Amino acid sequence: MNLDDDSFIYKLVGVTIHTGTAQHGHYYSLINKNRGDKECDPRLEKWSHVEKDDWLKFDDDEVTSYYYNSMAGEAFGGDGAALSNDEVTKLLASDKGYGKSAYMLVYECKKKRDVRQVQEDGTETKIGFRSVTKNIPQWLEQEVERDNTEFVLDSSVYNEKFFTFIRKTLSHTSN
């Protein structure tokens, strides 16, 4: 297989950050929005300048804009060996975190190769990377819908705020 030089150029499109210790901690993700169908023309020099791209921070149920140059303070670790357990506990409870480091990096290849579709009879068809049809099996779509409905119920109805509201309402009406 003959590969162009562009086949070996990659762009950073995602970073998973771990903060905490090896025993416990927290993960969140940083995602580059300029990728996939919306990416710049790979022939342009701008394609590789991830610092100019729009980034998002996914942290539990919160999604916020992210400034790429902040990554240096969050992805390159930290030495907490000299800290006491109380200091580590305080840091973990604060916004500063402790021992933040990149756990996983996700890259996108500059030049996308065609997708090979192999038929049952062994024949191959090449499909352009951008023209691949995205099919979701019906059973999976139903499972995701069921899971989303369950999540909405769990987060909206069966949460502490709901029960606090009911308790206060009942307490108020009983008086």
C-alpha atoms as a PDB file:
ATOM      1  CA  MET A   1       0.000   0.000   0.000  1.00  0.00           C
ATOM      2  CA  ASN A   2       1.415   3.350  -1.037  1.00  0.00           C
ATOM      3  CA  LEU A   3       0.748   6.086   1.557  1.00  0.00           C
ATOM      4  CA  ASP A   4       1.233   9.818   1.075  1.00  0.00           C
ATOM      5  CA  ASP A   5       3.140  11.883   3.633  1.00  0.00           C
ATOM      6  CA  ASP A   6      -0.237  13.372   4.668  1.00  0.00           C
ATOM      7  CA  SER A   7      -1.218   9.930   5.978  1.00  0.00           C
ATOM      8  CA  PHE A   8       1.238  10.390   8.845  1.00  0.00           C
ATOM      9  CA  ILE A   9       0.153  13.851  10.028  1.00  0.00           C
ATOM     10  CA  TYR A  10      -2.237  13.946  12.972  1.00  0.00           C
ATOM     11  CA  LYS A  11      -4.279  16.609  14.741  1.00  0.00           C
ATOM     12  CA  LEU A  12      -5.132  16.566  18.447  1.00  0.00           C
ATOM     13  CA  VAL A  13      -8.934  16.343  18.757  1.00  0.00           C
ATOM     14  CA  GLY A  14      -9.486  15.077  22.304  1.00  0.00           C
ATOM     15  CA  VAL A  15      -7.869  14.797  25.715  1.00  0.00           C
ATOM     16  CA  THR A  16      -9.075  12.904  28.777  1.00  0.00           C
ATOM     17  CA  ILE A  17      -7.781  14.459  32.006  1.00  0.00           C
ATOM     18  CA  HIS A  18      -7.512  12.629  35.342  1.00  0.00           C
ATOM     19  CA  THR A  19      -7.288  14.607  38.548  1.00  0.00           C
ATOM     20  CA  GLY A  20      -6.720  12.966  41.888  1.00  0.00           C
ATOM     21  CA  THR A  21      -4.620  10.078  43.032  1.00  0.00           C
ATOM     22  CA  ALA A  22      -4.241   6.481  41.889  1.00  0.00           C
ATOM     23  CA  GLN A  23      -6.748   5.457  44.589  1.00  0.00           C
ATOM     24  CA  HIS A  24      -9.478   7.944  43.694  1.00  0.00           C
ATOM     25  CA  GLY A  25     -10.069  10.864  41.423  1.00  0.00           C
ATOM     26  CA  HIS A  26     -12.119  12.341  38.638  1.00  0.00           C
ATOM     27  CA  TYR A  27     -12.043  12.290  34.833  1.00  0.00           C
ATOM     28  CA  TYR A  28     -13.183  14.920  32.354  1.00  0.00           C
ATOM     29  CA  SER A  29     -12.679  15.427  28.628  1.00  0.00           C
ATOM     30  CA  LEU A  30     -11.526  18.243  26.377  1.00  0.00           C
ATOM     31  CA  ILE A  31     -12.884  18.002  22.828  1.00  0.00           C
ATOM     32  CA  ASN A  32     -11.817  19.928  19.721  1.00  0.00           C
ATOM     33  CA  LYS A  33     -14.958  21.085  17.863  1.00  0.00           C
ATOM     34  CA  ASN A  34     -13.128  21.596  14.528  1.00  0.00           C
ATOM     35  CA  ARG A  35     -13.026  18.027  13.345  1.00  0.00           C
ATOM     36  CA  GLY A  36     -14.942  15.509  11.316  1.00  0.00           C
ATOM     37  CA  ASP A  37     -17.347  17.033   8.803  1.00  0.00           C
ATOM     38  CA  LYS A  38     -16.674  20.580  10.058  1.00  0.00           C
ATOM     39  CA  GLU A  39     -12.890  20.435   9.894  1.00  0.00           C
ATOM     40  CA  CYS A  40     -10.840  22.804   7.783  1.00  0.00           C
ATOM     41  CA  ASP A  41      -9.541  21.715   4.415  1.00  0.00           C
ATOM     42  CA  PRO A  42      -6.575  19.475   5.324  1.00  0.00           C
ATOM     43  CA  ARG A  43      -4.518  21.079   2.555  1.00  0.00           C
ATOM     44  CA  LEU A  44      -4.589  24.368   4.444  1.00  0.00           C
ATOM     45  CA  GLU A  45      -1.867  25.097   6.980  1.00  0.00           C
ATOM     46  CA  LYS A  46      -4.536  26.160   9.491  1.00  0.00           C
ATOM     47  CA  TRP A  47      -5.614  22.519   9.911  1.00  0.00           C
ATOM     48  CA  SER A  48      -2.761  21.704  12.303  1.00  0.00           C
ATOM     49  CA  HIS A  49      -3.144  24.784  14.549  1.00  0.00           C
ATOM     50  CA  VAL A  50      -5.284  23.253  17.299  1.00  0.00           C
ATOM     51  CA  GLU A  51      -4.620  26.223  19.585  1.00  0.00           C
ATOM     52  CA  LYS A  52      -6.843  28.334  17.300  1.00  0.00           C
ATOM     53  CA  ASP A  53      -9.709  25.818  17.255  1.00  0.00           C
ATOM     54  CA  ASP A  54     -12.831  25.935  19.417  1.00  0.00           C
ATOM     55  CA  TRP A  55     -12.618  23.506  22.347  1.00  0.00           C
ATOM     56  CA  LEU A  56     -15.213  22.257  24.833  1.00  0.00           C
ATOM     57  CA  LYS A  57     -14.754  20.855  28.336  1.00  0.00           C
ATOM     58  CA  PHE A  58     -17.068  17.947  29.240  1.00  0.00           C
ATOM     59  CA  ASP A  59     -17.153  17.568  33.030  1.00  0.00           C
ATOM     60  CA  ASP A  60     -19.986  15.343  34.284  1.00  0.00           C
ATOM     61  CA  ASP A  61     -23.227  17.154  33.434  1.00  0.00           C
ATOM     62  CA  GLU A  62     -21.540  20.444  32.555  1.00  0.00           C
ATOM     63  CA  VAL A  63     -20.262  21.414  29.097  1.00  0.00           C
ATOM     64  CA  THR A  64     -18.344  24.684  28.852  1.00  0.00           C
ATOM     65  CA  SER A  65     -16.121  26.480  26.370  1.00  0.00           C
ATOM     66  CA  TYR A  66     -12.448  25.763  26.901  1.00  0.00           C
ATOM     67  CA  TYR A  67      -9.352  27.811  26.150  1.00  0.00           C
ATOM     68  CA  TYR A  68      -6.723  25.498  24.635  1.00  0.00           C
ATOM     69  CA  ASN A  69      -3.765  27.297  26.236  1.00  0.00           C
ATOM     70  CA  SER A  70      -5.166  26.384  29.682  1.00  0.00           C
ATOM     71  CA  MET A  71      -4.302  22.756  28.942  1.00  0.00           C
ATOM     72  CA  ALA A  72      -0.671  23.231  29.980  1.00  0.00           C
ATOM     73  CA  GLY A  73      -1.827  23.682  33.581  1.00  0.00           C
ATOM     74  CA  GLU A  74      -4.112  20.652  33.490  1.00  0.00           C
ATOM     75  CA  ALA A  75      -2.458  17.985  31.382  1.00  0.00           C
ATOM     76  CA  PHE A  76       1.138  17.726  32.548  1.00  0.00           C
ATOM     77  CA  GLY A  77       0.833  16.244  36.029  1.00  0.00           C
ATOM     78  CA  GLY A  78       2.027  17.496  39.347  1.00  0.00           C
ATOM     79  CA  ASP A  79       4.106  16.305  42.271  1.00  0.00           C
ATOM     80  CA  GLY A  80       2.091  15.914  45.460  1.00  0.00           C
ATOM     81  CA  ALA A  81       4.597  13.700  47.273  1.00  0.00           C
ATOM     82  CA  ALA A  82       5.371  16.405  49.840  1.00  0.00           C
ATOM     83  CA  LEU A  83       1.681  16.951  50.734  1.00  0.00           C
ATOM     84  CA  SER A  84       0.037  15.554  53.855  1.00  0.00           C
ATOM     85  CA  ASN A  85      -3.208  13.551  53.595  1.00  0.00           C
ATOM     86  CA  ASP A  86      -5.155  16.568  54.895  1.00  0.00           C
ATOM     87  CA  GLU A  87      -3.610  18.811  52.209  1.00  0.00           C
ATOM     88  CA  VAL A  88      -4.455  16.263  49.499  1.00  0.00           C
ATOM     89  CA  THR A  89      -8.049  16.013  50.795  1.00  0.00           C
ATOM     90  CA  LYS A  90      -8.376  19.822  50.729  1.00  0.00           C
ATOM     91  CA  LEU A  91      -6.975  19.983  47.210  1.00  0.00           C
ATOM     92  CA  LEU A  92      -9.330  17.262  45.984  1.00  0.00           C
ATOM     93  CA  ALA A  93     -12.300  19.184  47.411  1.00  0.00           C
ATOM     94  CA  SER A  94     -11.166  22.441  45.787  1.00  0.00           C
ATOM     95  CA  ASP A  95     -11.340  23.543  42.169  1.00  0.00           C
ATOM     96  CA  LYS A  96      -7.547  23.265  41.958  1.00  0.00           C
ATOM     97  CA  GLY A  97      -7.555  19.474  41.950  1.00  0.00           C
ATOM     98  CA  TYR A  98      -4.462  17.398  42.552  1.00  0.00           C
ATOM     99  CA  GLY A  99      -2.187  15.519  40.249  1.00  0.00           C
ATOM    100  CA  LYS A 100      -3.971  16.564  37.061  1.00  0.00           C
ATOM    101  CA  SER A 101      -2.597  14.833  34.006  1.00  0.00           C
ATOM    102  CA  ALA A 102      -3.607  13.788  30.522  1.00  0.00           C
ATOM    103  CA  TYR A 103      -4.772  10.189  30.683  1.00  0.00           C
ATOM    104  CA  MET A 104      -5.587   9.653  27.038  1.00  0.00           C
ATOM    105  CA  LEU A 105      -5.021  11.630  23.828  1.00  0.00           C
ATOM    106  CA  VAL A 106      -7.177  11.272  20.713  1.00  0.00           C
ATOM    107  CA  TYR A 107      -5.816  12.215  17.299  1.00  0.00           C
ATOM    108  CA  GLU A 108      -7.350  12.505  13.858  1.00  0.00           C
ATOM    109  CA  CYS A 109      -5.340  11.621  10.766  1.00  0.00           C
ATOM    110  CA  LYS A 110      -4.949  14.481   8.297  1.00  0.00           C
ATOM    111  CA  LYS A 111      -5.657  12.368   5.255  1.00  0.00           C
ATOM    112  CA  LYS A 112      -8.539   9.942   5.566  1.00  0.00           C
ATOM    113  CA  ARG A 113      -8.307   6.673   3.689  1.00  0.00           C
ATOM    114  CA  ASP A 114     -11.277   5.075   1.981  1.00  0.00           C
ATOM    115  CA  VAL A 115     -13.263   2.565   4.004  1.00  0.00           C
ATOM    116  CA  ARG A 116     -13.093  -1.023   2.747  1.00  0.00           C
ATOM    117  CA  GLN A 117     -16.444  -2.808   2.665  1.00  0.00           C
ATOM    118  CA  VAL A 118     -16.030  -6.571   2.346  1.00  0.00           C
ATOM    119  CA  GLN A 119     -19.020  -8.548   1.070  1.00  0.00           C
ATOM    120  CA  GLU A 120     -19.844 -12.093   2.200  1.00  0.00           C
ATOM    121  CA  ASP A 121     -18.522 -13.433  -1.104  1.00  0.00           C
ATOM    122  CA  GLY A 122     -15.132 -11.813  -0.403  1.00  0.00           C
ATOM    123  CA  THR A 123     -15.391  -8.955  -2.875  1.00  0.00           C
ATOM    124  CA  GLU A 124     -14.274  -5.542  -1.684  1.00  0.00           C
ATOM    125  CA  THR A 125     -15.723  -2.120  -2.344  1.00  0.00           C
ATOM    126  CA  LYS A 126     -14.030   1.149  -1.392  1.00  0.00           C
ATOM    127  CA  ILE A 127     -16.220   3.899   0.007  1.00  0.00           C
ATOM    128  CA  GLY A 128     -14.977   7.466   0.438  1.00  0.00           C
ATOM    129  CA  PHE A 129     -14.399   8.384   4.087  1.00  0.00           C
ATOM    130  CA  ARG A 130     -16.903  11.270   3.980  1.00  0.00           C
ATOM    131  CA  SER A 131     -19.627   9.286   2.197  1.00  0.00           C
ATOM    132  CA  VAL A 132     -20.009   6.429   4.694  1.00  0.00           C
ATOM    133  CA  THR A 133     -23.663   6.031   5.640  1.00  0.00           C
ATOM    134  CA  LYS A 134     -24.225   5.976   9.361  1.00  0.00           C
ATOM    135  CA  ASN A 135     -26.736   3.244  10.199  1.00  0.00           C
ATOM    136  CA  ILE A 136     -27.862   2.556  13.736  1.00  0.00           C
ATOM    137  CA  PRO A 137     -29.599  -0.792  14.287  1.00  0.00           C
ATOM    138  CA  GLN A 138     -33.174  -0.338  15.486  1.00  0.00           C
ATOM    139  CA  TRP A 139     -32.577  -2.397  18.655  1.00  0.00           C
ATOM    140  CA  LEU A 140     -29.714  -0.059  19.628  1.00  0.00           C
ATOM    141  CA  GLU A 141     -31.765   3.055  18.907  1.00  0.00           C
ATOM    142  CA  GLN A 142     -34.555   1.683  21.148  1.00  0.00           C
ATOM    143  CA  GLU A 143     -32.065   0.849  23.906  1.00  0.00           C
ATOM    144  CA  VAL A 144     -30.619   4.394  23.816  1.00  0.00           C
ATOM    145  CA  GLU A 145     -34.144   5.877  23.913  1.00  0.00           C
ATOM    146  CA  ARG A 146     -35.045   3.671  26.913  1.00  0.00           C
ATOM    147  CA  ASP A 147     -31.809   4.602  28.684  1.00  0.00           C
ATOM    148  CA  ASN A 148     -32.366   8.331  28.009  1.00  0.00           C
ATOM    149  CA  THR A 149     -35.940   8.132  29.371  1.00  0.00           C
ATOM    150  CA  GLU A 150     -34.676   6.370  32.490  1.00  0.00           C
ATOM    151  CA  PHE A 151     -31.970   9.009  32.918  1.00  0.00           C
ATOM    152  CA  VAL A 152     -34.479  11.867  32.655  1.00  0.00           C
ATOM    153  CA  LEU A 153     -36.708  10.223  35.277  1.00  0.00           C
ATOM    154  CA  ASP A 154     -33.772   9.553  37.596  1.00  0.00           C
ATOM    155  CA  SER A 155     -32.354  13.051  37.281  1.00  0.00           C
ATOM    156  CA  SER A 156     -35.654  14.973  37.267  1.00  0.00           C
ATOM    157  CA  VAL A 157     -38.037  13.079  39.517  1.00  0.00           C
ATOM    158  CA  TYR A 158     -35.908  10.886  41.766  1.00  0.00           C
ATOM    159  CA  ASN A 159     -33.488  13.511  42.979  1.00  0.00           C
ATOM    160  CA  GLU A 160     -32.928  15.218  46.315  1.00  0.00           C
ATOM    161  CA  LYS A 161     -34.478  18.532  45.230  1.00  0.00           C
ATOM    162  CA  PHE A 162     -37.707  16.789  44.260  1.00  0.00           C
ATOM    163  CA  PHE A 163     -38.029  14.995  47.598  1.00  0.00           C
ATOM    164  CA  THR A 164     -37.110  18.162  49.493  1.00  0.00           C
ATOM    165  CA  PHE A 165     -39.889  19.967  47.609  1.00  0.00           C
ATOM    166  CA  ILE A 166     -42.414  17.204  48.436  1.00  0.00           C
ATOM    167  CA  ARG A 167     -41.348  17.140  52.116  1.00  0.00           C
ATOM    168  CA  LYS A 168     -41.680  20.933  52.435  1.00  0.00           C
ATOM    169  CA  THR A 169     -45.029  20.897  50.636  1.00  0.00           C
ATOM    170  CA  LEU A 170     -46.384  18.146  52.904  1.00  0.00           C
ATOM    171  CA  SER A 171     -44.966  19.859  55.985  1.00  0.00           C
ATOM    172  CA  HIS A 172     -46.573  23.167  54.961  1.00  0.00           C
ATOM    173  CA  THR A 173     -49.980  21.615  54.201  1.00  0.00           C
ATOM    174  CA  SER A 174     -50.032  19.585  57.435  1.00  0.00           C
ATOM    175  CA  ASN A 175     -49.569  22.756  59.504  1.00  0.00           C
END
